[in-house]
Amino acid sequence: MSTSIPGPDGRLRCHWCAGAQEFFPYHDDDWGFPVKDDRTLFEKLSLEGFQSGLSWRTILTKRENFRAAFKGFDFDLVARFTADDIQNMLGDSGIVRHRGKIEAVIQNARCAREMVDREGSLAAFFWRYEPTALQSTQPQIVSTSAESVQLSKDLKKLGWKFVGPTTMYAFMQAAGIVNDHAQDCVIRAEADKARRAFKTPGNAPRSAVPLKTAR
């Protein structure tokens, strides 16, 4: 399979953009660029959890509804959600009405508050799992990595839910912790440039574990 396709401007993009026209702006402006804002990181992690078992198009088309339902993914607010809030969301056709995933976001919001108290920020924690340049691999040939496996294990120990290794690798891709744009994708160089200008939050040390090829 080719790793790229022509975009609306004729320049090459990652092949998965062919799945839906709305993927192009998400790909060009959002996916793979480094993120250090805690609320944005929490949103990306939450949406990747909702995506588990579903298509990303389903999640992307409902993203604004998710933002409204979860108060802009302000985890301080979400952590205070009650059983009534859960019931209201189960009746909201604008989001994915999966009780386990909804409850996971609320649980994770409470864990996020604890993490900020302990680490200073979510970003300081998550960016510790960035692989080193020497451990890079060809883009989009793995669905997990040693870093995503370790991140998953560490989060689960801290009480986080719906944070399996594959979900965490998708989160790392989305948050720019790995740049998984295809080598000939025109956006890859832009994401690389953004990463060079990006200061690692909290001076988090990079991970020392190698990538694992998907099976």
C-alpha atoms as a PDB file:
ATOM      1  CA  MET A   1       0.000   0.000   0.000  1.00  0.00           C
ATOM      2  CA  SER A   2       1.232   3.480  -0.842  1.00  0.00           C
ATOM      3  CA  THR A   3       1.995   5.586   2.211  1.00  0.00           C
ATOM      4  CA  SER A   4       0.716   8.800   0.643  1.00  0.00           C
ATOM      5  CA  ILE A   5      -1.948  10.264  -1.628  1.00  0.00           C
ATOM      6  CA  PRO A   6      -2.305  13.645  -3.348  1.00  0.00           C
ATOM      7  CA  GLY A   7      -4.123  16.221  -1.249  1.00  0.00           C
ATOM      8  CA  PRO A   8      -6.510  18.931  -2.470  1.00  0.00           C
ATOM      9  CA  ASP A   9      -3.504  21.046  -3.474  1.00  0.00           C
ATOM     10  CA  GLY A  10      -1.803  18.174  -5.285  1.00  0.00           C
ATOM     11  CA  ARG A  11       0.869  17.736  -2.623  1.00  0.00           C
ATOM     12  CA  LEU A  12       1.276  14.364  -0.925  1.00  0.00           C
ATOM     13  CA  ARG A  13      -0.445  13.526   2.349  1.00  0.00           C
ATOM     14  CA  CYS A  14      -0.601  10.394   4.516  1.00  0.00           C
ATOM     15  CA  HIS A  15      -2.706   7.728   2.789  1.00  0.00           C
ATOM     16  CA  TRP A  16      -5.266   7.543   5.608  1.00  0.00           C
ATOM     17  CA  CYS A  17      -6.581  10.966   4.546  1.00  0.00           C
ATOM     18  CA  ALA A  18      -8.332   9.155   1.705  1.00  0.00           C
ATOM     19  CA  GLY A  19     -10.823   7.791   4.245  1.00  0.00           C
ATOM     20  CA  ALA A  20     -12.849  11.022   4.411  1.00  0.00           C
ATOM     21  CA  GLN A  21     -12.588  14.559   3.085  1.00  0.00           C
ATOM     22  CA  GLU A  22     -12.666  15.989   6.621  1.00  0.00           C
ATOM     23  CA  PHE A  23      -9.470  14.110   7.444  1.00  0.00           C
ATOM     24  CA  PHE A  24      -7.367  16.560   5.422  1.00  0.00           C
ATOM     25  CA  PRO A  25      -7.728  19.627   7.694  1.00  0.00           C
ATOM     26  CA  TYR A  26      -7.315  17.449  10.802  1.00  0.00           C
ATOM     27  CA  HIS A  27      -4.183  15.910   9.274  1.00  0.00           C
ATOM     28  CA  ASP A  28      -2.704  19.215   8.125  1.00  0.00           C
ATOM     29  CA  ASP A  29      -3.395  21.351  11.191  1.00  0.00           C
ATOM     30  CA  ASP A  30      -3.621  19.013  14.164  1.00  0.00           C
ATOM     31  CA  TRP A  31      -2.388  15.420  13.906  1.00  0.00           C
ATOM     32  CA  GLY A  32       1.258  14.873  14.762  1.00  0.00           C
ATOM     33  CA  PHE A  33       2.070  18.372  15.977  1.00  0.00           C
ATOM     34  CA  PRO A  34       3.563  18.562  19.492  1.00  0.00           C
ATOM     35  CA  VAL A  35       1.132  19.440  22.264  1.00  0.00           C
ATOM     36  CA  LYS A  36       1.930  20.648  25.758  1.00  0.00           C
ATOM     37  CA  ASP A  37      -1.438  22.114  26.788  1.00  0.00           C
ATOM     38  CA  ASP A  38      -2.878  19.801  29.440  1.00  0.00           C
ATOM     39  CA  ARG A  39      -6.501  20.200  28.423  1.00  0.00           C
ATOM     40  CA  THR A  40      -5.675  19.403  24.803  1.00  0.00           C
ATOM     41  CA  LEU A  41      -3.683  16.355  25.859  1.00  0.00           C
ATOM     42  CA  PHE A  42      -6.587  15.173  27.978  1.00  0.00           C
ATOM     43  CA  GLU A  43      -8.961  15.669  25.059  1.00  0.00           C
ATOM     44  CA  LYS A  44      -6.764  13.711  22.684  1.00  0.00           C
ATOM     45  CA  LEU A  45      -6.357  10.848  25.145  1.00  0.00           C
ATOM     46  CA  SER A  46     -10.099  10.781  25.834  1.00  0.00           C
ATOM     47  CA  LEU A  47     -11.088  10.796  22.170  1.00  0.00           C
ATOM     48  CA  GLU A  48      -8.637   8.027  21.361  1.00  0.00           C
ATOM     49  CA  GLY A  49     -10.268   6.001  24.128  1.00  0.00           C
ATOM     50  CA  PHE A  50     -13.690   6.623  22.586  1.00  0.00           C
ATOM     51  CA  GLN A  51     -12.326   5.617  19.191  1.00  0.00           C
ATOM     52  CA  SER A  52     -11.418   2.120  20.412  1.00  0.00           C
ATOM     53  CA  GLY A  53     -13.407  -0.314  18.270  1.00  0.00           C
ATOM     54  CA  LEU A  54     -14.831   2.472  16.098  1.00  0.00           C
ATOM     55  CA  SER A  55     -13.711   4.488  13.088  1.00  0.00           C
ATOM     56  CA  TRP A  56     -11.842   7.735  13.644  1.00  0.00           C
ATOM     57  CA  ARG A  57     -14.288   9.428  11.272  1.00  0.00           C
ATOM     58  CA  THR A  58     -17.070   8.713  13.774  1.00  0.00           C
ATOM     59  CA  ILE A  59     -15.120  10.434  16.529  1.00  0.00           C
ATOM     60  CA  LEU A  60     -13.909  13.351  14.433  1.00  0.00           C
ATOM     61  CA  THR A  61     -17.394  14.226  13.202  1.00  0.00           C
ATOM     62  CA  LYS A  62     -18.623  14.226  16.803  1.00  0.00           C
ATOM     63  CA  ARG A  63     -15.653  16.082  18.281  1.00  0.00           C
ATOM     64  CA  GLU A  64     -17.491  19.350  18.933  1.00  0.00           C
ATOM     65  CA  ASN A  65     -20.283  17.416  20.626  1.00  0.00           C
ATOM     66  CA  PHE A  66     -17.751  15.642  22.821  1.00  0.00           C
ATOM     67  CA  ARG A  67     -16.223  18.986  23.737  1.00  0.00           C
ATOM     68  CA  ALA A  68     -19.612  20.331  24.766  1.00  0.00           C
ATOM     69  CA  ALA A  69     -20.523  17.229  26.747  1.00  0.00           C
ATOM     70  CA  PHE A  70     -17.202  17.154  28.601  1.00  0.00           C
ATOM     71  CA  LYS A  71     -16.943  20.896  29.297  1.00  0.00           C
ATOM     72  CA  GLY A  72     -14.138  21.485  26.829  1.00  0.00           C
ATOM     73  CA  PHE A  73     -12.270  18.569  28.444  1.00  0.00           C
ATOM     74  CA  ASP A  74     -11.510  20.696  31.473  1.00  0.00           C
ATOM     75  CA  PHE A  75     -10.579  17.772  33.711  1.00  0.00           C
ATOM     76  CA  ASP A  76     -11.111  19.798  36.881  1.00  0.00           C
ATOM     77  CA  LEU A  77     -14.768  20.116  35.896  1.00  0.00           C
ATOM     78  CA  VAL A  78     -15.131  16.592  34.498  1.00  0.00           C
ATOM     79  CA  ALA A  79     -13.717  15.115  37.712  1.00  0.00           C
ATOM     80  CA  ARG A  80     -16.796  16.453  39.510  1.00  0.00           C
ATOM     81  CA  PHE A  81     -19.333  14.812  37.181  1.00  0.00           C
ATOM     82  CA  THR A  82     -22.046  12.826  38.927  1.00  0.00           C
ATOM     83  CA  ALA A  83     -24.284   9.890  38.111  1.00  0.00           C
ATOM     84  CA  ASP A  84     -26.827  12.402  36.758  1.00  0.00           C
ATOM     85  CA  ASP A  85     -24.214  13.752  34.324  1.00  0.00           C
ATOM     86  CA  ILE A  86     -23.483  10.219  33.140  1.00  0.00           C
ATOM     87  CA  GLN A  87     -27.173   9.552  32.601  1.00  0.00           C
ATOM     88  CA  ASN A  88     -27.541  12.766  30.609  1.00  0.00           C
ATOM     89  CA  MET A  89     -24.647  11.812  28.374  1.00  0.00           C
ATOM     90  CA  LEU A  90     -26.106   8.351  27.802  1.00  0.00           C
ATOM     91  CA  GLY A  91     -29.066  10.181  26.280  1.00  0.00           C
ATOM     92  CA  ASP A  92     -26.924  12.452  24.095  1.00  0.00           C
ATOM     93  CA  SER A  93     -27.015  11.164  20.503  1.00  0.00           C
ATOM     94  CA  GLY A  94     -24.281  13.643  19.563  1.00  0.00           C
ATOM     95  CA  ILE A  95     -21.595  11.547  21.262  1.00  0.00           C
ATOM     96  CA  VAL A  96     -20.760   7.862  21.542  1.00  0.00           C
ATOM     97  CA  ARG A  97     -23.139   6.602  24.230  1.00  0.00           C
ATOM     98  CA  HIS A  98     -20.918   3.970  25.796  1.00  0.00           C
ATOM     99  CA  ARG A  99     -21.200   3.924  29.574  1.00  0.00           C
ATOM    100  CA  GLY A 100     -17.789   2.367  30.137  1.00  0.00           C
ATOM    101  CA  LYS A 101     -16.016   4.968  28.017  1.00  0.00           C
ATOM    102  CA  ILE A 102     -17.932   7.869  29.548  1.00  0.00           C
ATOM    103  CA  GLU A 103     -17.134   6.656  33.042  1.00  0.00           C
ATOM    104  CA  ALA A 104     -13.499   6.168  32.012  1.00  0.00           C
ATOM    105  CA  VAL A 105     -13.164   9.836  31.016  1.00  0.00           C
ATOM    106  CA  ILE A 106     -14.530  10.895  34.390  1.00  0.00           C
ATOM    107  CA  GLN A 107     -12.215   8.504  36.226  1.00  0.00           C
ATOM    108  CA  ASN A 108      -9.283   9.689  34.124  1.00  0.00           C
ATOM    109  CA  ALA A 109     -10.139  13.308  34.905  1.00  0.00           C
ATOM    110  CA  ARG A 110      -9.779  12.534  38.597  1.00  0.00           C
ATOM    111  CA  CYS A 111      -6.477  10.800  37.895  1.00  0.00           C
ATOM    112  CA  ALA A 112      -5.379  13.794  35.815  1.00  0.00           C
ATOM    113  CA  ARG A 113      -5.935  16.138  38.738  1.00  0.00           C
ATOM    114  CA  GLU A 114      -3.758  13.901  40.908  1.00  0.00           C
ATOM    115  CA  MET A 115      -1.104  13.788  38.208  1.00  0.00           C
ATOM    116  CA  VAL A 116      -0.956  17.570  37.964  1.00  0.00           C
ATOM    117  CA  ASP A 117      -0.555  17.781  41.729  1.00  0.00           C
ATOM    118  CA  ARG A 118       2.258  15.234  41.607  1.00  0.00           C
ATOM    119  CA  GLU A 119       4.031  16.043  38.331  1.00  0.00           C
ATOM    120  CA  GLY A 120       3.207  19.704  37.791  1.00  0.00           C
ATOM    121  CA  SER A 121       1.384  19.016  34.518  1.00  0.00           C
ATOM    122  CA  LEU A 122       0.118  16.200  32.338  1.00  0.00           C
ATOM    123  CA  ALA A 123       2.582  17.276  29.678  1.00  0.00           C
ATOM    124  CA  ALA A 124       5.574  16.762  31.959  1.00  0.00           C
ATOM    125  CA  PHE A 125       4.456  13.162  32.455  1.00  0.00           C
ATOM    126  CA  PHE A 126       3.444  12.208  28.917  1.00  0.00           C
ATOM    127  CA  TRP A 127       6.476  13.650  27.179  1.00  0.00           C
ATOM    128  CA  ARG A 128       8.741  11.323  29.140  1.00  0.00           C
ATOM    129  CA  TYR A 129       7.597   8.611  26.756  1.00  0.00           C
ATOM    130  CA  GLU A 130       8.895  10.270  23.614  1.00  0.00           C
ATOM    131  CA  PRO A 131      11.254   7.872  21.795  1.00  0.00           C
ATOM    132  CA  THR A 132      14.733   9.087  20.976  1.00  0.00           C
ATOM    133  CA  ALA A 133      15.713   9.818  17.380  1.00  0.00           C
ATOM    134  CA  LEU A 134      17.898   6.707  17.383  1.00  0.00           C
ATOM    135  CA  GLN A 135      14.843   4.589  18.119  1.00  0.00           C
ATOM    136  CA  SER A 136      12.706   5.908  15.265  1.00  0.00           C
ATOM    137  CA  THR A 137      11.141   3.572  12.733  1.00  0.00           C
ATOM    138  CA  GLN A 138       9.404   3.900   9.390  1.00  0.00           C
ATOM    139  CA  PRO A 139       6.121   5.781   9.806  1.00  0.00           C
ATOM    140  CA  GLN A 140       2.804   3.979  10.094  1.00  0.00           C
ATOM    141  CA  ILE A 141       4.129   0.425  10.207  1.00  0.00           C
ATOM    142  CA  VAL A 142       3.511  -0.158  13.920  1.00  0.00           C
ATOM    143  CA  SER A 143       0.388   0.012  16.049  1.00  0.00           C
ATOM    144  CA  THR A 144       2.180  -0.136  19.380  1.00  0.00           C
ATOM    145  CA  SER A 145       5.647   0.649  20.650  1.00  0.00           C
ATOM    146  CA  ALA A 146       7.653  -0.193  23.728  1.00  0.00           C
ATOM    147  CA  GLU A 147       6.934   3.361  24.883  1.00  0.00           C
ATOM    148  CA  SER A 148       3.180   3.020  24.391  1.00  0.00           C
ATOM    149  CA  VAL A 149       3.204  -0.319  26.205  1.00  0.00           C
ATOM    150  CA  GLN A 150       5.059   1.233  29.137  1.00  0.00           C
ATOM    151  CA  LEU A 151       2.823   4.303  29.153  1.00  0.00           C
ATOM    152  CA  SER A 152      -0.221   2.050  29.206  1.00  0.00           C
ATOM    153  CA  LYS A 153       1.147   0.041  32.123  1.00  0.00           C
ATOM    154  CA  ASP A 154       2.101   3.140  34.088  1.00  0.00           C
ATOM    155  CA  LEU A 155      -1.276   4.817  33.577  1.00  0.00           C
ATOM    156  CA  LYS A 156      -3.185   1.687  34.547  1.00  0.00           C
ATOM    157  CA  LYS A 157      -1.175   1.482  37.768  1.00  0.00           C
ATOM    158  CA  LEU A 158      -2.314   5.050  38.470  1.00  0.00           C
ATOM    159  CA  GLY A 159      -5.966   4.159  37.924  1.00  0.00           C
ATOM    160  CA  TRP A 160      -6.514   5.375  34.340  1.00  0.00           C
ATOM    161  CA  LYS A 161      -9.002   3.489  32.133  1.00  0.00           C
ATOM    162  CA  PHE A 162      -9.223   2.737  28.386  1.00  0.00           C
ATOM    163  CA  VAL A 163      -5.500   3.343  27.981  1.00  0.00           C
ATOM    164  CA  GLY A 164      -4.329   0.177  26.230  1.00  0.00           C
ATOM    165  CA  PRO A 165      -1.014   0.129  24.301  1.00  0.00           C
ATOM    166  CA  THR A 166      -2.638   0.612  20.876  1.00  0.00           C
ATOM    167  CA  THR A 167      -4.789   3.469  22.150  1.00  0.00           C
ATOM    168  CA  MET A 168      -1.737   5.059  23.748  1.00  0.00           C
ATOM    169  CA  TYR A 169       0.253   4.787  20.528  1.00  0.00           C
ATOM    170  CA  ALA A 170      -2.586   6.523  18.659  1.00  0.00           C
ATOM    171  CA  PHE A 171      -2.558   9.195  21.357  1.00  0.00           C
ATOM    172  CA  MET A 172       1.217   9.628  20.999  1.00  0.00           C
ATOM    173  CA  GLN A 173       0.787  10.011  17.229  1.00  0.00           C
ATOM    174  CA  ALA A 174      -2.002  12.561  17.646  1.00  0.00           C
ATOM    175  CA  ALA A 175      -0.094  14.582  20.262  1.00  0.00           C
ATOM    176  CA  GLY A 176       3.135  14.677  18.274  1.00  0.00           C
ATOM    177  CA  ILE A 177       5.041  12.618  20.834  1.00  0.00           C
ATOM    178  CA  VAL A 178       5.925  10.602  17.765  1.00  0.00           C
ATOM    179  CA  ASN A 179       5.907  12.099  14.274  1.00  0.00           C
ATOM    180  CA  ASP A 180       4.238   9.359  12.262  1.00  0.00           C
ATOM    181  CA  HIS A 181       3.557  11.330   9.106  1.00  0.00           C
ATOM    182  CA  ALA A 182       4.682   9.434   6.015  1.00  0.00           C
ATOM    183  CA  GLN A 183       8.214  10.219   4.860  1.00  0.00           C
ATOM    184  CA  ASP A 184       6.944  11.867   1.661  1.00  0.00           C
ATOM    185  CA  CYS A 185       3.992  13.605   3.330  1.00  0.00           C
ATOM    186  CA  VAL A 186       4.314  17.372   2.950  1.00  0.00           C
ATOM    187  CA  ILE A 187       3.214  17.868   6.571  1.00  0.00           C
ATOM    188  CA  ARG A 188       5.994  15.709   8.020  1.00  0.00           C
ATOM    189  CA  ALA A 189       8.568  18.473   7.642  1.00  0.00           C
ATOM    190  CA  GLU A 190       6.187  20.980   9.248  1.00  0.00           C
ATOM    191  CA  ALA A 191       5.671  18.667  12.234  1.00  0.00           C
ATOM    192  CA  ASP A 192       9.451  18.175  12.507  1.00  0.00           C
ATOM    193  CA  LYS A 193       9.963  21.935  12.472  1.00  0.00           C
ATOM    194  CA  ALA A 194       7.340  22.380  15.177  1.00  0.00           C
ATOM    195  CA  ARG A 195       9.042  19.718  17.297  1.00  0.00           C
ATOM    196  CA  ARG A 196      12.448  21.424  16.964  1.00  0.00           C
ATOM    197  CA  ALA A 197      10.901  24.645  18.250  1.00  0.00           C
ATOM    198  CA  PHE A 198       9.089  22.808  21.033  1.00  0.00           C
ATOM    199  CA  LYS A 199      10.511  22.830  24.549  1.00  0.00           C
ATOM    200  CA  THR A 200       9.950  19.519  26.281  1.00  0.00           C
ATOM    201  CA  PRO A 201       7.665  20.238  29.257  1.00  0.00           C
ATOM    202  CA  GLY A 202       9.345  19.978  32.618  1.00  0.00           C
ATOM    203  CA  ASN A 203      12.602  18.962  30.940  1.00  0.00           C
ATOM    204  CA  ALA A 204      11.192  15.445  30.849  1.00  0.00           C
ATOM    205  CA  PRO A 205      13.918  12.905  30.006  1.00  0.00           C
ATOM    206  CA  ARG A 206      13.331  10.857  26.899  1.00  0.00           C
ATOM    207  CA  SER A 207      12.448   7.185  27.080  1.00  0.00           C
ATOM    208  CA  ALA A 208      15.142   4.575  26.592  1.00  0.00           C
ATOM    209  CA  VAL A 209      13.022   1.743  25.257  1.00  0.00           C
ATOM    210  CA  PRO A 210      12.981   0.631  21.592  1.00  0.00           C
ATOM    211  CA  LEU A 211      10.012   0.571  19.251  1.00  0.00           C
ATOM    212  CA  LYS A 212       8.236  -2.724  18.621  1.00  0.00           C
ATOM    213  CA  THR A 213       6.965  -3.684  15.172  1.00  0.00           C
ATOM    214  CA  ALA A 214       3.252  -4.385  14.960  1.00  0.00           C
ATOM    215  CA  ARG A 215       2.217  -7.990  14.437  1.00  0.00           C
END
